[in-house]
Amino acid sequence: MKHQEPELKAALNKLDKLLHDYPDSSKAFIPYKNYLKNFLRVKVKSINLPTSEVMAVIKHERPNITYLLKKQSKHDPTLYFLTNIEMDYEKANKKLSEMRKLLQ
């Protein structure tokens, strides 16, 4: 069953672009932080927002960014919440891949 979730589809495409365009360095911290803050604002109607999956991918593929996010989380409850989410990377990738197929 296909889902009409254009905001979520755009957010997942933006994640792919972010991972492609920005390296795992302190210079890329702000784009990742902004992405996560905006991602939490995505409105979905028929499926759950894949927050755990997105965080698992970022944690695995961008460990330095994750470290900086954790460091910043002392002063930001939203980042604290996000950086303490745990999920297996392979499982997260599989779920995101399946979700992308269901989004129109």
C-alpha atoms as a PDB file:
ATOM      1  CA  MET A   1       0.000   0.000   0.000  1.00  0.00           C
ATOM      2  CA  LYS A   2       1.422   3.358  -1.059  1.00  0.00           C
ATOM      3  CA  HIS A   3       1.357   6.292   1.344  1.00  0.00           C
ATOM      4  CA  GLN A   4       0.914   9.958   0.477  1.00  0.00           C
ATOM      5  CA  GLU A   5       3.615  11.489   2.668  1.00  0.00           C
ATOM      6  CA  PRO A   6       5.379  14.147   0.574  1.00  0.00           C
ATOM      7  CA  GLU A   7       7.029  15.849   3.581  1.00  0.00           C
ATOM      8  CA  LEU A   8       8.522  12.585   4.801  1.00  0.00           C
ATOM      9  CA  LYS A   9       9.685  11.635   1.327  1.00  0.00           C
ATOM     10  CA  ALA A  10      11.397  15.019   0.978  1.00  0.00           C
ATOM     11  CA  ALA A  11      12.992  14.659   4.425  1.00  0.00           C
ATOM     12  CA  LEU A  12      14.414  11.225   3.574  1.00  0.00           C
ATOM     13  CA  ASN A  13      15.740  12.553   0.268  1.00  0.00           C
ATOM     14  CA  LYS A  14      17.343  15.418   2.172  1.00  0.00           C
ATOM     15  CA  LEU A  15      19.015  12.900   4.507  1.00  0.00           C
ATOM     16  CA  ASP A  16      20.513  11.119   1.499  1.00  0.00           C
ATOM     17  CA  LYS A  17      21.758  14.436   0.125  1.00  0.00           C
ATOM     18  CA  LEU A  18      23.180  15.420   3.508  1.00  0.00           C
ATOM     19  CA  LEU A  19      25.068  12.136   3.840  1.00  0.00           C
ATOM     20  CA  HIS A  20      26.390  12.529   0.307  1.00  0.00           C
ATOM     21  CA  ASP A  21      27.323  16.220   0.439  1.00  0.00           C
ATOM     22  CA  TYR A  22      28.630  16.690   3.980  1.00  0.00           C
ATOM     23  CA  PRO A  23      31.561  14.753   5.444  1.00  0.00           C
ATOM     24  CA  ASP A  24      31.909  13.515   8.999  1.00  0.00           C
ATOM     25  CA  SER A  25      33.629  16.644  10.294  1.00  0.00           C
ATOM     26  CA  SER A  26      32.930  19.473  12.700  1.00  0.00           C
ATOM     27  CA  LYS A  27      32.336  21.813   9.746  1.00  0.00           C
ATOM     28  CA  ALA A  28      29.214  19.811   8.887  1.00  0.00           C
ATOM     29  CA  PHE A  29      27.747  19.892  12.398  1.00  0.00           C
ATOM     30  CA  ILE A  30      25.271  22.727  11.807  1.00  0.00           C
ATOM     31  CA  PRO A  31      23.621  21.199   8.689  1.00  0.00           C
ATOM     32  CA  TYR A  32      23.062  17.909  10.545  1.00  0.00           C
ATOM     33  CA  LYS A  33      21.733  19.659  13.635  1.00  0.00           C
ATOM     34  CA  ASN A  34      19.356  21.753  11.520  1.00  0.00           C
ATOM     35  CA  TYR A  35      18.256  18.684   9.583  1.00  0.00           C
ATOM     36  CA  LEU A  36      17.337  16.843  12.779  1.00  0.00           C
ATOM     37  CA  LYS A  37      15.419  19.798  14.207  1.00  0.00           C
ATOM     38  CA  ASN A  38      13.472  20.141  10.942  1.00  0.00           C
ATOM     39  CA  PHE A  39      12.969  16.389  10.641  1.00  0.00           C
ATOM     40  CA  LEU A  40      11.095  16.346  13.936  1.00  0.00           C
ATOM     41  CA  ARG A  41       8.664  18.908  12.492  1.00  0.00           C
ATOM     42  CA  VAL A  42       7.706  16.696   9.551  1.00  0.00           C
ATOM     43  CA  LYS A  43       3.998  15.958   9.597  1.00  0.00           C
ATOM     44  CA  VAL A  44       2.942  12.423   8.745  1.00  0.00           C
ATOM     45  CA  LYS A  45      -0.584  11.075   8.447  1.00  0.00           C
ATOM     46  CA  SER A  46      -0.474   7.337   7.906  1.00  0.00           C
ATOM     47  CA  ILE A  47       2.912   6.098   9.148  1.00  0.00           C
ATOM     48  CA  ASN A  48       5.230   6.796  12.063  1.00  0.00           C
ATOM     49  CA  LEU A  49       8.098   9.217  11.684  1.00  0.00           C
ATOM     50  CA  PRO A  50      11.245   7.048  11.373  1.00  0.00           C
ATOM     51  CA  THR A  51      13.247   8.962  13.988  1.00  0.00           C
ATOM     52  CA  SER A  52      15.052   5.908  15.382  1.00  0.00           C
ATOM     53  CA  GLU A  53      16.016   4.764  11.912  1.00  0.00           C
ATOM     54  CA  VAL A  54      17.362   8.169  10.878  1.00  0.00           C
ATOM     55  CA  MET A  55      19.400   8.449  14.074  1.00  0.00           C
ATOM     56  CA  ALA A  56      20.815   4.934  13.637  1.00  0.00           C
ATOM     57  CA  VAL A  57      22.010   5.830  10.139  1.00  0.00           C
ATOM     58  CA  ILE A  58      23.573   9.112  11.258  1.00  0.00           C
ATOM     59  CA  LYS A  59      25.236   7.456  14.267  1.00  0.00           C
ATOM     60  CA  HIS A  60      26.740   4.724  12.106  1.00  0.00           C
ATOM     61  CA  GLU A  61      27.750   6.772   9.079  1.00  0.00           C
ATOM     62  CA  ARG A  62      28.724   9.998  10.867  1.00  0.00           C
ATOM     63  CA  PRO A  63      30.275   9.108  14.271  1.00  0.00           C
ATOM     64  CA  ASN A  64      32.048  12.470  14.626  1.00  0.00           C
ATOM     65  CA  ILE A  65      28.829  14.362  13.978  1.00  0.00           C
ATOM     66  CA  THR A  66      27.126  12.117  16.536  1.00  0.00           C
ATOM     67  CA  TYR A  67      29.836  12.920  19.071  1.00  0.00           C
ATOM     68  CA  LEU A  68      29.313  16.650  18.504  1.00  0.00           C
ATOM     69  CA  LEU A  69      25.534  16.260  18.764  1.00  0.00           C
ATOM     70  CA  LYS A  70      25.952  14.417  22.077  1.00  0.00           C
ATOM     71  CA  LYS A  71      28.280  17.117  23.330  1.00  0.00           C
ATOM     72  CA  GLN A  72      25.740  19.790  22.393  1.00  0.00           C
ATOM     73  CA  SER A  73      22.897  17.777  23.945  1.00  0.00           C
ATOM     74  CA  LYS A  74      23.920  18.897  27.437  1.00  0.00           C
ATOM     75  CA  HIS A  75      22.267  22.213  26.605  1.00  0.00           C
ATOM     76  CA  ASP A  76      19.502  20.973  24.310  1.00  0.00           C
ATOM     77  CA  PRO A  77      16.851  18.482  25.481  1.00  0.00           C
ATOM     78  CA  THR A  78      15.809  17.682  21.910  1.00  0.00           C
ATOM     79  CA  LEU A  79      19.338  16.672  20.953  1.00  0.00           C
ATOM     80  CA  TYR A  80      19.630  14.732  24.199  1.00  0.00           C
ATOM     81  CA  PHE A  81      16.535  12.749  23.274  1.00  0.00           C
ATOM     82  CA  LEU A  82      17.747  12.128  19.721  1.00  0.00           C
ATOM     83  CA  THR A  83      21.294  11.105  20.617  1.00  0.00           C
ATOM     84  CA  ASN A  84      20.054   8.583  23.174  1.00  0.00           C
ATOM     85  CA  ILE A  85      17.900   6.677  20.709  1.00  0.00           C
ATOM     86  CA  GLU A  86      19.337   3.227  20.022  1.00  0.00           C
ATOM     87  CA  MET A  87      18.625   1.008  17.020  1.00  0.00           C
ATOM     88  CA  ASP A  88      20.575  -1.504  14.970  1.00  0.00           C
ATOM     89  CA  TYR A  89      22.029   0.080  11.816  1.00  0.00           C
ATOM     90  CA  GLU A  90      21.188  -2.826   9.491  1.00  0.00           C
ATOM     91  CA  LYS A  91      17.626  -2.984  10.761  1.00  0.00           C
ATOM     92  CA  ALA A  92      17.281   0.793  10.383  1.00  0.00           C
ATOM     93  CA  ASN A  93      18.556   0.724   6.802  1.00  0.00           C
ATOM     94  CA  LYS A  94      16.160  -2.086   5.935  1.00  0.00           C
ATOM     95  CA  LYS A  95      13.179  -0.246   7.438  1.00  0.00           C
ATOM     96  CA  LEU A  96      14.076   3.009   5.677  1.00  0.00           C
ATOM     97  CA  SER A  97      14.457   1.187   2.379  1.00  0.00           C
ATOM     98  CA  GLU A  98      11.039  -0.444   2.800  1.00  0.00           C
ATOM     99  CA  MET A  99       9.520   2.887   3.795  1.00  0.00           C
ATOM    100  CA  ARG A 100      10.922   4.629   0.718  1.00  0.00           C
ATOM    101  CA  LYS A 101       9.237   2.027  -1.493  1.00  0.00           C
ATOM    102  CA  LEU A 102       5.884   2.748   0.174  1.00  0.00           C
ATOM    103  CA  LEU A 103       6.099   6.522  -0.201  1.00  0.00           C
ATOM    104  CA  GLN A 104       4.708   8.192  -3.294  1.00  0.00           C
END
